[in-house]
Each structure stands twice: as C-alpha cells, then as structure tokens.
C-alpha cells in the first residue's frame, strides 16, 4: 500500500506504535481496532483542538473570576491550574472533558477497551496535555504522545 503524498505543512510523519513496514493502516485507528467513521472512530485533530479551546475558555473565565477575589496568583496561572484540575477530574470521573462532551468525543483505553481510564492515566494525560507540545505531536493514527504513553485515544461518540 502506498503512502499518501505529504508536504512540509503536514509536519513530521511519526509512525503509529502498531504500524510496521509490512502493514500500514488504511485509515487512522484501523490497527487499533476502531471503525473508520461514526461512534468509536478516532476524533480528528481539529475536533480535539476545538475541545481544548472550549475547556480553556471555561478555565479562563473561572481564572478571571477567582483573580477578582484573590490576587495571590495571576489570571493566567489560575487558568492553567483550573485547566489541569478540570482535565484530571473530568477524565477520571466522566472519561471526557466538557469541551470533548460538547463536540461529541471521549477518552477511551485502547489496551483494554471498555475499562475505565483510571487515576494514573488521567493524571499522566493531563500533565502531558498541559505541556501542549506533547499533545500536539501526533502519530499517523492522530494520537498524541500523551495518548500513546497512557494507552488511550480520543474517540467520537
């Protein structure tokens, strides 16, 4: 199977952890056992970025409100701390952040489908997402480094 033509605008081609030279997936998520379209399919990078934007706006509003009553930290610091707290708690308890819920996505384990994300995966995921850089580096399946490390994927549905 031939690879699609890429340009420098596509960024680096990081292979999926399940790809080999003999087997290349036809669509993102195929080698993970996920469908190509519909519920359970991998969410696009654009959709995931939209979810992060919604979460960030929520945390920015909370950070600004908190800063009005406590000038101990700045609005940006409060916003970042709320972002980490929101990401950890919502992934742990609901397997989705508010931004992901609005856009019809959620976090699922790919190593053991149907199991809860869990405490350590939620913590590692949010800390790695908080660096932005690790979440922005995606492989051919569209999974960020934080998803690969924790054995999770952001799926539709």
Protein backbone atom coordinates (compact mmCIF):
# COMPACT_ATOMS: atom_id res chain seq x y z
CA UNK A 1 0.00 0.00 0.00
CA UNK A 2 1.43 3.39 -0.91
CA UNK A 3 1.53 6.29 1.47
CA UNK A 4 -0.40 9.46 0.58
CA UNK A 5 1.69 12.32 -0.76
CA UNK A 6 2.78 14.68 2.03
CA UNK A 7 4.16 18.20 2.08
CA UNK A 8 6.24 20.01 4.69
CA UNK A 9 2.99 21.55 6.02
CA UNK A 10 1.89 18.12 7.27
CA UNK A 11 4.70 18.07 9.82
CA UNK A 12 6.79 15.04 10.70
CA UNK A 13 5.44 11.59 9.95
CA UNK A 14 5.55 9.82 13.30
CA UNK A 15 4.66 6.17 12.77
CA UNK A 16 1.91 4.60 14.84
CA UNK A 17 3.05 2.19 17.52
CA UNK A 18 1.08 -0.56 15.76
CA UNK A 19 2.43 0.05 12.26
CA UNK A 20 5.19 -1.97 10.71
CA UNK A 21 6.84 -1.87 7.31
CA UNK A 22 4.65 -4.76 6.19
CA UNK A 23 1.35 -3.32 7.45
CA UNK A 24 0.21 0.29 7.11
CA UNK A 25 -3.29 1.27 8.14
CA UNK A 26 -5.80 2.37 5.52
CA UNK A 27 -7.31 4.94 7.89
CA UNK A 28 -6.45 6.34 11.33
CA UNK A 29 -7.39 3.85 14.04
CA UNK A 30 -7.64 0.75 11.85
CA UNK A 31 -4.76 -1.03 13.59
CA UNK A 32 -6.26 -0.07 16.95
CA UNK A 33 -9.43 -1.94 16.01
CA UNK A 34 -11.53 1.22 15.71
CA UNK A 35 -14.06 1.95 12.94
CA UNK A 36 -13.29 4.44 10.19
CA UNK A 37 -16.38 6.62 10.76
CA UNK A 38 -19.08 7.18 13.36
CA UNK A 39 -19.16 6.37 17.07
CA UNK A 40 -15.93 4.79 18.30
CA UNK A 41 -13.80 6.22 15.48
CA UNK A 42 -10.80 8.36 16.33
CA UNK A 43 -11.62 12.05 16.69
CA UNK A 44 -9.82 14.37 14.30
CA UNK A 45 -7.05 16.66 15.47
CA UNK A 46 -9.24 19.67 14.60
CA UNK A 47 -12.13 18.41 16.70
CA UNK A 48 -9.80 17.68 19.64
CA UNK A 49 -8.27 21.16 19.37
CA UNK A 50 -11.79 22.63 19.46
CA UNK A 51 -12.47 20.68 22.67
CA UNK A 52 -9.28 22.04 24.25
CA UNK A 53 -10.30 25.58 23.23
CA UNK A 54 -13.70 25.18 24.90
CA UNK A 55 -12.07 23.82 28.05
CA UNK A 56 -9.54 26.66 28.05
CA UNK A 57 -12.27 29.32 27.76
CA UNK A 58 -14.15 27.76 30.69
CA UNK A 59 -10.97 27.77 32.77
CA UNK A 60 -10.11 31.31 31.70
CA UNK A 61 -13.50 32.56 32.90
CA UNK A 62 -13.03 30.72 36.21
CA UNK A 63 -9.46 32.05 36.49
CA UNK A 64 -10.58 35.63 35.90
CA UNK A 65 -13.38 35.29 38.41
CA UNK A 66 -11.01 33.81 41.01
CA UNK A 67 -8.47 36.56 40.39
CA UNK A 68 -11.12 39.19 41.14
CA UNK A 69 -11.31 37.92 44.73
CA UNK A 70 -7.77 36.67 45.27
CA UNK A 71 -4.74 38.42 43.85
CA UNK A 72 -2.39 35.77 45.17
CA UNK A 73 -1.79 34.49 41.62
CA UNK A 74 -2.42 35.99 38.19
CA UNK A 75 -5.33 35.14 35.91
CA UNK A 76 -3.10 33.09 33.61
CA UNK A 77 -1.82 30.94 36.48
CA UNK A 78 -5.32 30.37 37.83
CA UNK A 79 -6.48 29.48 34.32
CA UNK A 80 -3.69 26.92 33.90
CA UNK A 81 -4.35 25.37 37.33
CA UNK A 82 -8.08 25.13 36.60
CA UNK A 83 -7.25 23.56 33.21
CA UNK A 84 -5.17 20.86 34.91
CA UNK A 85 -7.82 20.26 37.58
CA UNK A 86 -10.68 20.16 35.08
CA UNK A 87 -8.82 17.79 32.76
CA UNK A 88 -7.85 15.41 35.56
CA UNK A 89 -11.21 15.27 37.34
CA UNK A 90 -13.39 15.09 34.24
CA UNK A 91 -11.24 12.42 32.57
CA UNK A 92 -11.15 10.38 35.77
CA UNK A 93 -14.87 10.51 36.53
CA UNK A 94 -16.54 11.05 33.13
CA UNK A 95 -13.89 9.98 30.55
CA UNK A 96 -14.39 13.31 28.79
CA UNK A 97 -13.84 16.99 29.44
CA UNK A 98 -16.67 19.50 28.97
CA UNK A 99 -15.18 20.58 25.62
CA UNK A 100 -14.99 16.98 24.46
CA UNK A 101 -18.58 16.37 25.59
CA UNK A 102 -19.86 19.40 23.66
CA UNK A 103 -18.13 18.17 20.49
CA UNK A 104 -19.16 14.52 20.94
CA UNK A 105 -15.87 12.94 21.99
CA UNK A 106 -14.48 10.99 24.89
CA UNK A 107 -11.33 9.29 26.15
CA UNK A 108 -11.13 5.50 25.85
CA UNK A 109 -8.49 2.92 26.65
CA UNK A 110 -7.16 1.07 23.63
CA UNK A 111 -5.19 -1.51 25.59
CA UNK A 112 -8.32 -2.78 27.40
CA UNK A 113 -11.48 -1.49 25.65
CA UNK A 114 -14.44 -0.92 27.94
CA UNK A 115 -12.32 -0.33 31.05
CA UNK A 116 -12.25 3.00 32.90
CA UNK A 117 -9.42 5.42 32.18
CA UNK A 118 -8.32 5.35 35.82
CA UNK A 119 -6.34 7.52 38.20
CA UNK A 120 -2.80 7.30 36.87
CA UNK A 121 -3.82 7.57 33.22
CA UNK A 122 -5.90 10.67 33.96
CA UNK A 123 -3.02 12.28 35.88
CA UNK A 124 -0.34 11.50 33.30
CA UNK A 125 -2.63 12.51 30.43
CA UNK A 126 -3.44 15.92 31.88
CA UNK A 127 0.16 16.68 32.86
CA UNK A 128 1.36 15.80 29.36
CA UNK A 129 -1.52 17.74 27.77
CA UNK A 130 -0.57 20.73 29.92
CA UNK A 131 2.78 20.94 28.14
CA UNK A 132 0.90 21.43 24.82
CA UNK A 133 3.96 20.21 22.89
CA UNK A 134 3.43 16.54 23.73
CA UNK A 135 -0.25 16.68 22.84
CA UNK A 136 0.46 18.44 19.54
CA UNK A 137 2.90 15.76 18.30
CA UNK A 138 0.59 13.19 16.71
CA UNK A 139 1.30 9.89 15.00
CA UNK A 140 -0.30 8.53 11.83
CA UNK A 141 -3.34 7.50 13.88
CA UNK A 142 -3.78 11.07 15.14
CA UNK A 143 -2.91 10.12 18.73
CA UNK A 144 -0.68 12.46 20.70
CA UNK A 145 2.29 11.36 22.78
CA UNK A 146 0.12 11.63 25.90
CA UNK A 147 -2.33 9.11 24.40
CA UNK A 148 0.42 6.70 23.39
CA UNK A 149 2.05 6.77 26.83
CA UNK A 150 -1.23 6.14 28.65
CA UNK A 151 -2.74 3.67 26.17
CA UNK A 152 -5.74 5.88 25.44
CA UNK A 153 -7.35 7.52 22.42
CA UNK A 154 -9.88 10.30 21.95
CA UNK A 155 -12.81 8.78 20.12
CA UNK A 156 -16.12 10.04 18.76
CA UNK A 157 -19.36 9.11 20.41
